[in-house]
Amino acid sequence: VPGGAAHQAGLRGLEAGGVPDVILEVNGVPVNSFEELLREVRKRQVGDRITLKVRRGSQVFQVEATLAPFPGR
C-alpha cells in the first residue's frame, strides 16, 4: 500500500509495475498467504519493528519495517 510500512521500508507492490515483492517470513515465521501475513503482523503493535524476508525476482533479502497505522485510517 503506498505510504504503508512495507512501502516505507522499500518494498515494491503492484503500483511499481512489474513483479511485486513477495514476503516470505515475518520475524522468522514463514507466511504462505496474505491471511498468514496479517496474523503475524497483528501480533504486534504500531511502532514495533519487524524483520521481513522478501523475494524480489530471484533475489532473497531481509528488510526491517516499523509498523504504522494503515494509510487512510
PDB file of N, CA and C in Angstrom:
ATOM      1  N   VAL A   1       0.857  -1.175   0.000  1.00  0.00           N
ATOM      2  CA  VAL A   1       0.000   0.000   0.000  1.00  0.00           C
ATOM      3  C   VAL A   1       0.903   1.237   0.000  1.00  0.00           C
ATOM      4  N   PRO A   2       0.748   2.132  -0.968  1.00  0.00           N
ATOM      5  CA  PRO A   2       1.562   3.345  -0.972  1.00  0.00           C
ATOM      6  C   PRO A   2       1.421   4.099   0.354  1.00  0.00           C
ATOM      7  N   GLY A   3       2.560   4.450   0.943  1.00  0.00           N
ATOM      8  CA  GLY A   3       2.576   5.155   2.215  1.00  0.00           C
ATOM      9  C   GLY A   3       2.548   4.239   3.424  1.00  0.00           C
ATOM     10  N   GLY A   4       2.335   2.941   3.210  1.00  0.00           N
ATOM     11  CA  GLY A   4       2.292   1.980   4.312  1.00  0.00           C
ATOM     12  C   GLY A   4       3.689   1.607   4.786  1.00  0.00           C
ATOM     13  N   ALA A   5       3.744   0.810   5.837  1.00  0.00           N
ATOM     14  CA  ALA A   5       5.019   0.423   6.453  1.00  0.00           C
ATOM     15  C   ALA A   5       5.930  -0.322   5.477  1.00  0.00           C
ATOM     16  N   ALA A   6       5.376  -1.262   4.702  1.00  0.00           N
ATOM     17  CA  ALA A   6       6.203  -2.015   3.749  1.00  0.00           C
ATOM     18  C   ALA A   6       6.735  -1.098   2.657  1.00  0.00           C
ATOM     19  N   HIS A   7       5.897  -0.205   2.174  1.00  0.00           N
ATOM     20  CA  HIS A   7       6.320   0.754   1.150  1.00  0.00           C
ATOM     21  C   HIS A   7       7.440   1.640   1.690  1.00  0.00           C
ATOM     22  N   GLN A   8       7.294   2.116   2.910  1.00  0.00           N
ATOM     23  CA  GLN A   8       8.319   2.968   3.521  1.00  0.00           C
ATOM     24  C   GLN A   8       9.618   2.209   3.753  1.00  0.00           C
ATOM     25  N   ALA A   9       9.529   0.883   3.920  1.00  0.00           N
ATOM     26  CA  ALA A   9      10.726   0.058   4.101  1.00  0.00           C
ATOM     27  C   ALA A   9      11.398  -0.266   2.766  1.00  0.00           C
ATOM     28  N   GLY A  10      10.776   0.164   1.653  1.00  0.00           N
ATOM     29  CA  GLY A  10      11.382  -0.030   0.346  1.00  0.00           C
ATOM     30  C   GLY A  10      10.840  -1.198  -0.453  1.00  0.00           C
ATOM     31  N   LEU A  11       9.795  -1.848   0.048  1.00  0.00           N
ATOM     32  CA  LEU A  11       9.223  -2.959  -0.712  1.00  0.00           C
ATOM     33  C   LEU A  11       8.420  -2.434  -1.895  1.00  0.00           C
ATOM     34  N   ARG A  12       8.362  -3.248  -2.939  1.00  0.00           N
ATOM     35  CA  ARG A  12       7.668  -2.870  -4.171  1.00  0.00           C
ATOM     36  C   ARG A  12       6.375  -3.657  -4.290  1.00  0.00           C
ATOM     37  N   GLY A  13       5.293  -2.953  -4.571  1.00  0.00           N
ATOM     38  CA  GLY A  13       3.993  -3.587  -4.769  1.00  0.00           C
ATOM     39  C   GLY A  13       3.591  -3.513  -6.219  1.00  0.00           C
ATOM     40  N   LEU A  14       2.346  -3.795  -6.465  1.00  0.00           N
ATOM     41  CA  LEU A  14       1.828  -3.767  -7.829  1.00  0.00           C
ATOM     42  C   LEU A  14       1.922  -2.390  -8.455  1.00  0.00           C
ATOM     43  N   GLU A  15       1.837  -1.334  -7.633  1.00  0.00           N
ATOM     44  CA  GLU A  15       1.872   0.026  -8.176  1.00  0.00           C
ATOM     45  C   GLU A  15       3.220   0.362  -8.805  1.00  0.00           C
ATOM     46  N   ALA A  16       4.274  -0.398  -8.460  1.00  0.00           N
ATOM     47  CA  ALA A  16       5.607  -0.138  -9.011  1.00  0.00           C
ATOM     48  C   ALA A  16       5.747  -0.684 -10.429  1.00  0.00           C
ATOM     49  N   GLY A  17       4.782  -1.488 -10.867  1.00  0.00           N
ATOM     50  CA  GLY A  17       4.894  -2.121 -12.176  1.00  0.00           C
ATOM     51  C   GLY A  17       5.779  -3.339 -12.077  1.00  0.00           C
ATOM     52  N   GLY A  18       5.657  -4.225 -13.010  1.00  0.00           N
ATOM     53  CA  GLY A  18       6.460  -5.443 -12.974  1.00  0.00           C
ATOM     54  C   GLY A  18       5.971  -6.405 -11.902  1.00  0.00           C
ATOM     55  N   VAL A  19       6.868  -7.263 -11.456  1.00  0.00           N
ATOM     56  CA  VAL A  19       6.521  -8.279 -10.461  1.00  0.00           C
ATOM     57  C   VAL A  19       6.716  -7.688  -9.063  1.00  0.00           C
ATOM     58  N   PRO A  20       5.683  -7.751  -8.212  1.00  0.00           N
ATOM     59  CA  PRO A  20       5.824  -7.205  -6.860  1.00  0.00           C
ATOM     60  C   PRO A  20       6.690  -8.098  -5.977  1.00  0.00           C
ATOM     61  N   ASP A  21       7.222  -7.521  -4.897  1.00  0.00           N
ATOM     62  CA  ASP A  21       7.963  -8.286  -3.906  1.00  0.00           C
ATOM     63  C   ASP A  21       7.019  -9.276  -3.224  1.00  0.00           C
ATOM     64  N   VAL A  22       7.581 -10.392  -2.785  1.00  0.00           N
ATOM     65  CA  VAL A  22       6.811 -11.417  -2.074  1.00  0.00           C
ATOM     66  C   VAL A  22       7.401 -11.554  -0.672  1.00  0.00           C
ATOM     67  N   ILE A  23       6.585 -11.360   0.357  1.00  0.00           N
ATOM     68  CA  ILE A  23       7.033 -11.528   1.737  1.00  0.00           C
ATOM     69  C   ILE A  23       6.974 -13.007   2.066  1.00  0.00           C
ATOM     70  N   LEU A  24       8.124 -13.560   2.464  1.00  0.00           N
ATOM     71  CA  LEU A  24       8.241 -14.987   2.754  1.00  0.00           C
ATOM     72  C   LEU A  24       8.151 -15.291   4.238  1.00  0.00           C
ATOM     73  N   GLU A  25       8.668 -14.371   5.086  1.00  0.00           N
ATOM     74  CA  GLU A  25       8.691 -14.588   6.534  1.00  0.00           C
ATOM     75  C   GLU A  25       8.496 -13.267   7.261  1.00  0.00           C
ATOM     76  N   VAL A  26       7.907 -13.365   8.446  1.00  0.00           N
ATOM     77  CA  VAL A  26       7.802 -12.243   9.378  1.00  0.00           C
ATOM     78  C   VAL A  26       8.490 -12.675  10.658  1.00  0.00           C
ATOM     79  N   ASN A  27       9.584 -12.019  11.017  1.00  0.00           N
ATOM     80  CA  ASN A  27      10.365 -12.368  12.210  1.00  0.00           C
ATOM     81  C   ASN A  27      10.670 -13.857  12.266  1.00  0.00           C
ATOM     82  N   GLY A  28      11.051 -14.434  11.115  1.00  0.00           N
ATOM     83  CA  GLY A  28      11.444 -15.830  11.051  1.00  0.00           C
ATOM     84  C   GLY A  28      10.303 -16.818  10.912  1.00  0.00           C
ATOM     85  N   VAL A  29       9.062 -16.353  10.923  1.00  0.00           N
ATOM     86  CA  VAL A  29       7.898 -17.235  10.782  1.00  0.00           C
ATOM     87  C   VAL A  29       7.460 -17.232   9.320  1.00  0.00           C
ATOM     88  N   PRO A  30       7.492 -18.393   8.654  1.00  0.00           N
ATOM     89  CA  PRO A  30       7.077 -18.437   7.251  1.00  0.00           C
ATOM     90  C   PRO A  30       5.604 -18.043   7.086  1.00  0.00           C
ATOM     91  N   VAL A  31       5.323 -17.277   6.031  1.00  0.00           N
ATOM     92  CA  VAL A  31       3.948 -16.908   5.689  1.00  0.00           C
ATOM     93  C   VAL A  31       3.723 -17.292   4.232  1.00  0.00           C
ATOM     94  N   ASN A  32       2.618 -18.005   3.991  1.00  0.00           N
ATOM     95  CA  ASN A  32       2.328 -18.513   2.659  1.00  0.00           C
ATOM     96  C   ASN A  32       1.076 -17.907   2.054  1.00  0.00           C
ATOM     97  N   SER A  33       0.457 -16.978   2.777  1.00  0.00           N
ATOM     98  CA  SER A  33      -0.745 -16.337   2.264  1.00  0.00           C
ATOM     99  C   SER A  33      -0.868 -14.965   2.918  1.00  0.00           C
ATOM    100  N   PHE A  34      -1.726 -14.139   2.338  1.00  0.00           N
ATOM    101  CA  PHE A  34      -1.968 -12.816   2.906  1.00  0.00           C
ATOM    102  C   PHE A  34      -2.546 -12.943   4.311  1.00  0.00           C
ATOM    103  N   GLU A  35      -3.403 -13.943   4.528  1.00  0.00           N
ATOM    104  CA  GLU A  35      -4.008 -14.148   5.843  1.00  0.00           C
ATOM    105  C   GLU A  35      -2.950 -14.483   6.886  1.00  0.00           C
ATOM    106  N   GLU A  36      -1.977 -15.330   6.528  1.00  0.00           N
ATOM    107  CA  GLU A  36      -0.894 -15.666   7.457  1.00  0.00           C
ATOM    108  C   GLU A  36      -0.034 -14.440   7.748  1.00  0.00           C
ATOM    109  N   LEU A  37       0.224 -13.629   6.741  1.00  0.00           N
ATOM    110  CA  LEU A  37       0.974 -12.393   6.943  1.00  0.00           C
ATOM    111  C   LEU A  37       0.245 -11.489   7.933  1.00  0.00           C
ATOM    112  N   LEU A  38      -1.052 -11.289   7.716  1.00  0.00           N
ATOM    113  CA  LEU A  38      -1.833 -10.451   8.627  1.00  0.00           C
ATOM    114  C   LEU A  38      -1.813 -11.004  10.049  1.00  0.00           C
ATOM    115  N   ARG A  39      -1.940 -12.321  10.192  1.00  0.00           N
ATOM    116  CA  ARG A  39      -1.944 -12.939  11.523  1.00  0.00           C
ATOM    117  C   ARG A  39      -0.649 -12.608  12.271  1.00  0.00           C
ATOM    118  N   GLU A  40       0.480 -12.703  11.589  1.00  0.00           N
ATOM    119  CA  GLU A  40       1.765 -12.406  12.236  1.00  0.00           C
ATOM    120  C   GLU A  40       1.903 -10.925  12.562  1.00  0.00           C
ATOM    121  N   VAL A  41       1.497 -10.076  11.642  1.00  0.00           N
ATOM    122  CA  VAL A  41       1.621  -8.629  11.859  1.00  0.00           C
ATOM    123  C   VAL A  41       0.701  -8.183  12.993  1.00  0.00           C
ATOM    124  N   ARG A  42      -0.486  -8.756  13.076  1.00  0.00           N
ATOM    125  CA  ARG A  42      -1.452  -8.347  14.113  1.00  0.00           C
ATOM    126  C   ARG A  42      -1.047  -8.773  15.514  1.00  0.00           C
ATOM    127  N   LYS A  43      -0.019  -9.592  15.636  1.00  0.00           N
ATOM    128  CA  LYS A  43       0.514  -9.962  16.953  1.00  0.00           C
ATOM    129  C   LYS A  43       1.335  -8.823  17.549  1.00  0.00           C
ATOM    130  N   ARG A  44       1.591  -7.802  16.752  1.00  0.00           N
ATOM    131  CA  ARG A  44       2.449  -6.695  17.161  1.00  0.00           C
ATOM    132  C   ARG A  44       1.655  -5.396  17.206  1.00  0.00           C
ATOM    133  N   GLN A  45       2.308  -4.355  17.690  1.00  0.00           N
ATOM    134  CA  GLN A  45       1.665  -3.051  17.853  1.00  0.00           C
ATOM    135  C   GLN A  45       2.270  -2.034  16.878  1.00  0.00           C
ATOM    136  N   VAL A  46       1.508  -0.995  16.594  1.00  0.00           N
ATOM    137  CA  VAL A  46       2.035   0.129  15.814  1.00  0.00           C
ATOM    138  C   VAL A  46       3.294   0.632  16.514  1.00  0.00           C
ATOM    139  N   GLY A  47       4.341   0.845  15.742  1.00  0.00           N
ATOM    140  CA  GLY A  47       5.619   1.298  16.285  1.00  0.00           C
ATOM    141  C   GLY A  47       6.625   0.173  16.473  1.00  0.00           C
ATOM    142  N   ASP A  48       6.156  -1.085  16.527  1.00  0.00           N
ATOM    143  CA  ASP A  48       7.075  -2.222  16.641  1.00  0.00           C
ATOM    144  C   ASP A  48       7.854  -2.373  15.347  1.00  0.00           C
ATOM    145  N   ARG A  49       9.107  -2.840  15.484  1.00  0.00           N
ATOM    146  CA  ARG A  49       9.932  -3.144  14.310  1.00  0.00           C
ATOM    147  C   ARG A  49       9.854  -4.634  14.039  1.00  0.00           C
ATOM    148  N   ILE A  50       9.707  -4.984  12.769  1.00  0.00           N
ATOM    149  CA  ILE A  50       9.679  -6.380  12.359  1.00  0.00           C
ATOM    150  C   ILE A  50      10.709  -6.601  11.262  1.00  0.00           C
ATOM    151  N   THR A  51      11.147  -7.852  11.134  1.00  0.00           N
ATOM    152  CA  THR A  51      12.069  -8.233  10.070  1.00  0.00           C
ATOM    153  C   THR A  51      11.307  -9.087   9.074  1.00  0.00           C
ATOM    154  N   LEU A  52      11.369  -8.698   7.823  1.00  0.00           N
ATOM    155  CA  LEU A  52      10.693  -9.415   6.750  1.00  0.00           C
ATOM    156  C   LEU A  52      11.728 -10.059   5.845  1.00  0.00           C
ATOM    157  N   LYS A  53      11.510 -11.321   5.515  1.00  0.00           N
ATOM    158  CA  LYS A  53      12.306 -11.983   4.480  1.00  0.00           C
ATOM    159  C   LYS A  53      11.492 -11.852   3.200  1.00  0.00           C
ATOM    160  N   VAL A  54      12.127 -11.333   2.153  1.00  0.00           N
ATOM    161  CA  VAL A  54      11.417 -10.934   0.939  1.00  0.00           C
ATOM    162  C   VAL A  54      12.106 -11.523  -0.284  1.00  0.00           C
ATOM    163  N   ARG A  55      11.288 -11.899  -1.279  1.00  0.00           N
ATOM    164  CA  ARG A  55      11.826 -12.312  -2.577  1.00  0.00           C
ATOM    165  C   ARG A  55      11.456 -11.246  -3.603  1.00  0.00           C
ATOM    166  N   ARG A  56      12.468 -10.788  -4.318  1.00  0.00           N
ATOM    167  CA  ARG A  56      12.280  -9.843  -5.428  1.00  0.00           C
ATOM    168  C   ARG A  56      12.930 -10.483  -6.645  1.00  0.00           C
ATOM    169  N   GLY A  57      12.091 -11.048  -7.514  1.00  0.00           N
ATOM    170  CA  GLY A  57      12.636 -11.799  -8.644  1.00  0.00           C
ATOM    171  C   GLY A  57      13.370 -13.020  -8.120  1.00  0.00           C
ATOM    172  N   SER A  58      14.643 -13.150  -8.438  1.00  0.00           N
ATOM    173  CA  SER A  58      15.432 -14.288  -7.956  1.00  0.00           C
ATOM    174  C   SER A  58      16.223 -13.949  -6.697  1.00  0.00           C
ATOM    175  N   GLN A  59      16.164 -12.709  -6.251  1.00  0.00           N
ATOM    176  CA  GLN A  59      16.916 -12.258  -5.079  1.00  0.00           C
ATOM    177  C   GLN A  59      16.055 -12.412  -3.817  1.00  0.00           C
ATOM    178  N   VAL A  60      16.663 -12.935  -2.735  1.00  0.00           N
ATOM    179  CA  VAL A  60      16.002 -13.027  -1.432  1.00  0.00           C
ATOM    180  C   VAL A  60      16.817 -12.191  -0.463  1.00  0.00           C
ATOM    181  N   PHE A  61      16.131 -11.342   0.308  1.00  0.00           N
ATOM    182  CA  PHE A  61      16.824 -10.459   1.244  1.00  0.00           C
ATOM    183  C   PHE A  61      15.920 -10.173   2.436  1.00  0.00           C
ATOM    184  N   GLN A  62      16.491  -9.553   3.470  1.00  0.00           N
ATOM    185  CA  GLN A  62      15.727  -9.156   4.646  1.00  0.00           C
ATOM    186  C   GLN A  62      15.649  -7.642   4.722  1.00  0.00           C
ATOM    187  N   VAL A  63      14.541  -7.172   5.251  1.00  0.00           N
ATOM    188  CA  VAL A  63      14.341  -5.743   5.436  1.00  0.00           C
ATOM    189  C   VAL A  63      13.621  -5.546   6.768  1.00  0.00           C
ATOM    190  N   GLU A  64      13.959  -4.477   7.465  1.00  0.00           N
ATOM    191  CA  GLU A  64      13.250  -4.133   8.687  1.00  0.00           C
ATOM    192  C   GLU A  64      12.210  -3.079   8.369  1.00  0.00           C
ATOM    193  N   ALA A  65      11.063  -3.211   9.027  1.00  0.00           N
ATOM    194  CA  ALA A  65       9.965  -2.251   8.847  1.00  0.00           C
ATOM    195  C   ALA A  65       9.432  -1.893  10.217  1.00  0.00           C
ATOM    196  N   THR A  66       8.992  -0.654  10.346  1.00  0.00           N
ATOM    197  CA  THR A  66       8.316  -0.203  11.558  1.00  0.00           C
ATOM    198  C   THR A  66       6.837  -0.160  11.268  1.00  0.00           C
ATOM    199  N   LEU A  67       6.061  -0.882  12.075  1.00  0.00           N
ATOM    200  CA  LEU A  67       4.625  -0.949  11.837  1.00  0.00           C
ATOM    201  C   LEU A  67       3.982   0.417  12.056  1.00  0.00           C
ATOM    202  N   ALA A  68       3.097   0.764  11.163  1.00  0.00           N
ATOM    203  CA  ALA A  68       2.397   2.056  11.197  1.00  0.00           C
ATOM    204  C   ALA A  68       0.906   1.801  10.991  1.00  0.00           C
ATOM    205  N   PRO A  69       0.066   2.756  11.372  1.00  0.00           N
ATOM    206  CA  PRO A  69      -1.368   2.579  11.086  1.00  0.00           C
ATOM    207  C   PRO A  69      -1.578   2.446   9.590  1.00  0.00           C
ATOM    208  N   PHE A  70      -2.600   1.701   9.207  1.00  0.00           N
ATOM    209  CA  PHE A  70      -2.925   1.533   7.802  1.00  0.00           C
ATOM    210  C   PHE A  70      -3.237   2.897   7.210  1.00  0.00           C
ATOM    211  N   PRO A  71      -2.616   3.269   6.076  1.00  0.00           N
ATOM    212  CA  PRO A  71      -2.872   4.591   5.489  1.00  0.00           C
ATOM    213  C   PRO A  71      -4.366   4.810   5.247  1.00  0.00           C
ATOM    214  N   GLY A  72      -4.841   5.967   5.597  1.00  0.00           N
ATOM    215  CA  GLY A  72      -6.245   6.303   5.396  1.00  0.00           C
ATOM    216  C   GLY A  72      -7.149   5.938   6.541  1.00  0.00           C
ATOM    217  N   ARG A  73      -6.581   5.358   7.599  1.00  0.00           N
ATOM    218  CA  ARG A  73      -7.404   5.003   8.767  1.00  0.00           C
ATOM    219  C   ARG A  73      -7.086   5.896   9.928  1.00  0.00           C
TER     220      ARG A  73
END
